[in-house]
Amino acid sequence: MLTPRDPLTWTPRRIAVAGTSGAGKTTLADRLAERLDCPRVELDSLFHGPDWTPRDSFTDDVDRFTSGDRWVIEHQYREVRPLIAARADTLLWLDYPDWLSVQRLVRRTVRRRLTRAELWNGNREGPLREFFTEEDHIIRWGIRTRGRLRPVIPTVEEQHPQLHVVRFRWPREVEAWLGRLS
C-alpha cells in the first residue's frame, strides 16, 4: 500500500475513491475528473432511483461506465466493488479519523436538508428529526458503518495486484498528492 509521499510512477487513468460516508469521496472524485479531464459518474446517482428506490440497471450502468479507458468513480456498494477494482488502476483510500468523517457527514447532511438540495433522481435528504427515529438515517448509518472499510481495502489490494492503492490519513495529504498529479 502506498502513502501519499510515495512517487507517482504510473499515470492514473481509471480511478476509484474509497472512504466512509462523509470522508469526501464525491468531492475528491469531482476534483480529479476536472483536473484530469476525464468522465465521472456519481455512483449514488446510478444506484438511487426516485423515492430512494434501488435501480434495476445499477450493475449494468456501472459495468458500462467502467468499461471506458479513463474515468473516476467512488468505490462503494458491495455488489459492484469487485467490478470497479478489477478495472481500476488506482484506488485512493480516504482513511480519515472517524471523528473527522462523522463531522463532515453531519455538516453535509444538515446543509443538504436546509437547502433542500436535490440529490439524485429527485431525491432529497429526509427531515433531520428522523435521525432519532430511523435506524438507516444517513448519519446513524454512517456512524454504525464507519469501521467496515478498514479490513476491505487491504483485501482488495491483495486480490487486484494491478491496483496502485494510496492511503490518505488526513485531507492535507490529499492536497499534497493532488499537487504532484500532472
Protein backbone atom coordinates (compact mmCIF):
# COMPACT_ATOMS: atom_id res chain seq x y z
CA MET A 1 0.00 0.00 0.00
CA LEU A 2 1.34 3.38 -1.00
CA THR A 3 1.47 6.51 1.09
CA PRO A 4 0.80 9.99 -0.31
CA ARG A 5 4.56 10.65 -0.20
CA ASP A 6 5.44 7.74 -2.47
CA PRO A 7 6.35 8.71 -6.05
CA LEU A 8 3.74 8.57 -8.77
CA THR A 9 5.33 6.01 -11.07
CA TRP A 10 2.16 5.48 -13.13
CA THR A 11 -0.41 7.67 -14.85
CA PRO A 12 -3.79 7.31 -13.10
CA ARG A 13 -6.47 6.76 -15.76
CA ARG A 14 -9.17 4.68 -14.05
CA ILE A 15 -9.54 5.92 -10.51
CA ALA A 16 -11.74 4.67 -7.69
CA VAL A 17 -12.10 6.69 -4.49
CA ALA A 18 -12.87 4.78 -1.29
CA GLY A 19 -13.84 6.05 2.14
CA THR A 20 -16.60 6.07 4.71
CA SER A 21 -19.68 8.25 4.41
CA GLY A 22 -18.62 11.85 4.81
CA ALA A 23 -14.94 11.29 4.08
CA GLY A 24 -15.09 13.29 0.85
CA LYS A 25 -15.19 10.65 -1.89
CA THR A 26 -17.51 12.63 -4.15
CA THR A 27 -15.63 15.89 -3.70
CA LEU A 28 -12.28 14.27 -4.47
CA ALA A 29 -13.72 12.36 -7.45
CA ASP A 30 -15.13 15.61 -8.86
CA ARG A 31 -11.79 17.37 -8.45
CA LEU A 32 -9.89 14.51 -10.08
CA ALA A 33 -12.25 14.34 -13.04
CA GLU A 34 -11.88 18.06 -13.62
CA ARG A 35 -8.11 18.04 -13.21
CA LEU A 36 -7.62 15.00 -15.46
CA ASP A 37 -10.42 15.94 -17.88
CA CYS A 38 -12.00 12.51 -17.73
CA PRO A 39 -15.51 11.10 -17.35
CA ARG A 40 -17.03 10.95 -13.90
CA VAL A 41 -20.24 9.49 -12.55
CA GLU A 42 -21.54 9.65 -9.01
CA LEU A 43 -22.25 6.08 -8.01
CA ASP A 44 -25.22 7.12 -5.84
CA SER A 45 -26.88 8.58 -8.95
CA LEU A 46 -26.73 5.17 -10.61
CA PHE A 47 -27.98 3.32 -7.53
CA HIS A 48 -30.85 5.52 -6.31
CA GLY A 49 -33.98 5.85 -8.39
CA PRO A 50 -36.95 8.08 -7.50
CA ASP A 51 -38.09 7.79 -3.87
CA TRP A 52 -34.72 6.23 -2.92
CA THR A 53 -35.62 3.02 -4.77
CA PRO A 54 -32.63 0.96 -5.96
CA ARG A 55 -32.42 0.96 -9.74
CA ASP A 56 -32.53 -2.41 -11.54
CA SER A 57 -29.94 -1.20 -14.05
CA PHE A 58 -27.35 -0.31 -11.38
CA THR A 59 -24.82 -3.08 -12.05
CA ASP A 60 -25.19 -2.77 -15.83
CA ASP A 61 -24.72 1.01 -15.62
CA VAL A 62 -21.54 0.61 -13.55
CA ASP A 63 -20.31 -2.05 -15.98
CA ARG A 64 -20.91 0.27 -18.93
CA PHE A 65 -19.22 3.27 -17.28
CA THR A 66 -16.14 1.39 -16.08
CA SER A 67 -15.56 -0.23 -19.48
CA GLY A 68 -14.08 3.06 -20.69
CA ASP A 69 -10.38 3.90 -20.87
CA ARG A 70 -10.49 6.80 -18.42
CA TRP A 71 -12.85 7.53 -15.54
CA VAL A 72 -13.30 8.45 -11.89
CA ILE A 73 -15.87 6.79 -9.63
CA GLU A 74 -16.45 6.08 -5.96
CA HIS A 75 -15.53 2.63 -4.66
CA GLN A 76 -18.66 1.72 -2.72
CA TYR A 77 -21.67 -0.61 -2.89
CA ARG A 78 -20.58 -4.14 -2.14
CA GLU A 79 -22.17 -5.60 -5.28
CA VAL A 80 -20.05 -3.52 -7.69
CA ARG A 81 -16.81 -3.11 -5.74
CA PRO A 82 -15.19 -6.17 -7.39
CA LEU A 83 -16.04 -4.88 -10.87
CA ILE A 84 -14.66 -1.42 -10.11
CA ALA A 85 -11.49 -2.80 -8.50
CA ALA A 86 -10.85 -5.18 -11.41
CA ARG A 87 -10.96 -2.32 -13.91
CA ALA A 88 -9.30 0.45 -11.90
CA ASP A 89 -5.59 1.18 -11.97
CA THR A 90 -5.72 3.48 -8.94
CA LEU A 91 -7.61 3.26 -5.65
CA LEU A 92 -7.44 6.30 -3.41
CA TRP A 93 -8.44 5.43 0.15
CA LEU A 94 -9.61 8.28 2.37
CA ASP A 95 -8.91 6.60 5.72
CA TYR A 96 -9.51 9.61 7.91
CA PRO A 97 -10.13 9.59 11.66
CA ASP A 98 -13.72 8.63 12.46
CA TRP A 99 -14.43 11.95 14.19
CA LEU A 100 -13.49 13.87 11.03
CA SER A 101 -15.64 11.78 8.67
CA VAL A 102 -18.63 11.89 11.04
CA GLN A 103 -18.26 15.66 11.46
CA ARG A 104 -18.21 16.10 7.68
CA LEU A 105 -21.19 13.76 7.26
CA VAL A 106 -23.28 15.71 9.78
CA ARG A 107 -22.35 19.05 8.20
CA ARG A 108 -23.16 17.79 4.68
CA THR A 109 -26.46 16.24 5.74
CA VAL A 110 -27.63 19.35 7.58
CA ARG A 111 -26.62 21.60 4.65
CA ARG A 112 -28.43 19.41 2.12
CA ARG A 113 -31.55 19.32 4.27
CA LEU A 114 -31.64 23.03 4.99
CA THR A 115 -31.12 23.96 1.34
CA ARG A 116 -33.48 21.19 0.14
CA ALA A 117 -30.82 20.25 -2.41
CA GLU A 118 -31.89 17.68 -4.95
CA LEU A 119 -29.51 14.77 -4.82
CA TRP A 120 -30.22 12.02 -7.37
CA ASN A 121 -33.32 11.41 -9.43
CA GLY A 122 -35.49 13.81 -7.44
CA ASN A 123 -34.41 12.59 -4.00
CA ARG A 124 -33.68 14.90 -1.09
CA GLU A 125 -32.42 14.38 2.44
CA GLY A 126 -35.21 13.47 4.83
CA PRO A 127 -36.16 15.53 7.87
CA LEU A 128 -33.35 15.88 10.40
CA ARG A 129 -35.64 14.64 13.18
CA GLU A 130 -35.58 11.21 11.52
CA PHE A 131 -32.11 10.81 12.99
CA PHE A 132 -33.92 9.86 16.21
CA THR A 133 -36.48 7.53 14.66
CA GLU A 134 -34.98 5.93 11.53
CA GLU A 135 -32.29 3.31 12.02
CA ASP A 136 -31.00 3.87 8.47
CA HIS A 137 -30.86 7.67 8.67
CA ILE A 138 -27.67 8.60 6.80
CA ILE A 139 -25.93 9.96 9.91
CA ARG A 140 -26.80 6.90 12.03
CA TRP A 141 -25.82 4.62 9.16
CA GLY A 142 -22.52 6.49 8.73
CA ILE A 143 -21.69 6.16 12.42
CA ARG A 144 -22.69 2.48 12.52
CA THR A 145 -20.66 1.50 9.43
CA ARG A 146 -17.60 3.72 9.81
CA GLY A 147 -15.16 0.88 10.61
CA ARG A 148 -16.30 -1.60 7.96
CA LEU A 149 -13.97 -0.42 5.20
CA ARG A 150 -10.67 -0.83 7.07
CA PRO A 151 -10.41 -4.60 6.56
CA VAL A 152 -11.81 -4.41 3.00
CA ILE A 153 -9.18 -2.28 1.28
CA PRO A 154 -6.13 -4.45 2.11
CA THR A 155 -8.07 -7.46 0.77
CA VAL A 156 -8.93 -5.57 -2.42
CA GLU A 157 -5.26 -4.73 -2.84
CA GLU A 158 -4.30 -8.42 -2.47
CA GLN A 159 -6.93 -9.54 -4.95
CA HIS A 160 -6.08 -6.90 -7.57
CA PRO A 161 -2.30 -6.54 -7.95
CA GLN A 162 -2.73 -4.06 -10.82
CA LEU A 163 -4.13 -1.51 -8.35
CA HIS A 164 -1.99 1.29 -7.03
CA VAL A 165 -3.62 1.81 -3.62
CA VAL A 166 -2.82 5.11 -1.93
CA ARG A 167 -3.94 5.53 1.69
CA PHE A 168 -4.62 9.05 2.93
CA ARG A 169 -4.93 9.69 6.68
CA TRP A 170 -5.58 13.44 6.51
CA PRO A 171 -7.06 15.87 3.96
CA ARG A 172 -3.73 17.74 3.75
CA GLU A 173 -2.16 14.55 2.37
CA VAL A 174 -4.71 14.52 -0.44
CA GLU A 175 -3.88 18.14 -1.25
CA ALA A 176 -0.15 17.38 -1.41
CA TRP A 177 -0.77 14.33 -3.64
CA LEU A 178 -3.03 16.32 -5.97
CA GLY A 179 -0.30 18.93 -6.23
CA ARG A 180 2.04 16.26 -7.61
CA LEU A 181 -0.55 14.85 -10.03
CA SER A 182 0.01 16.06 -13.58
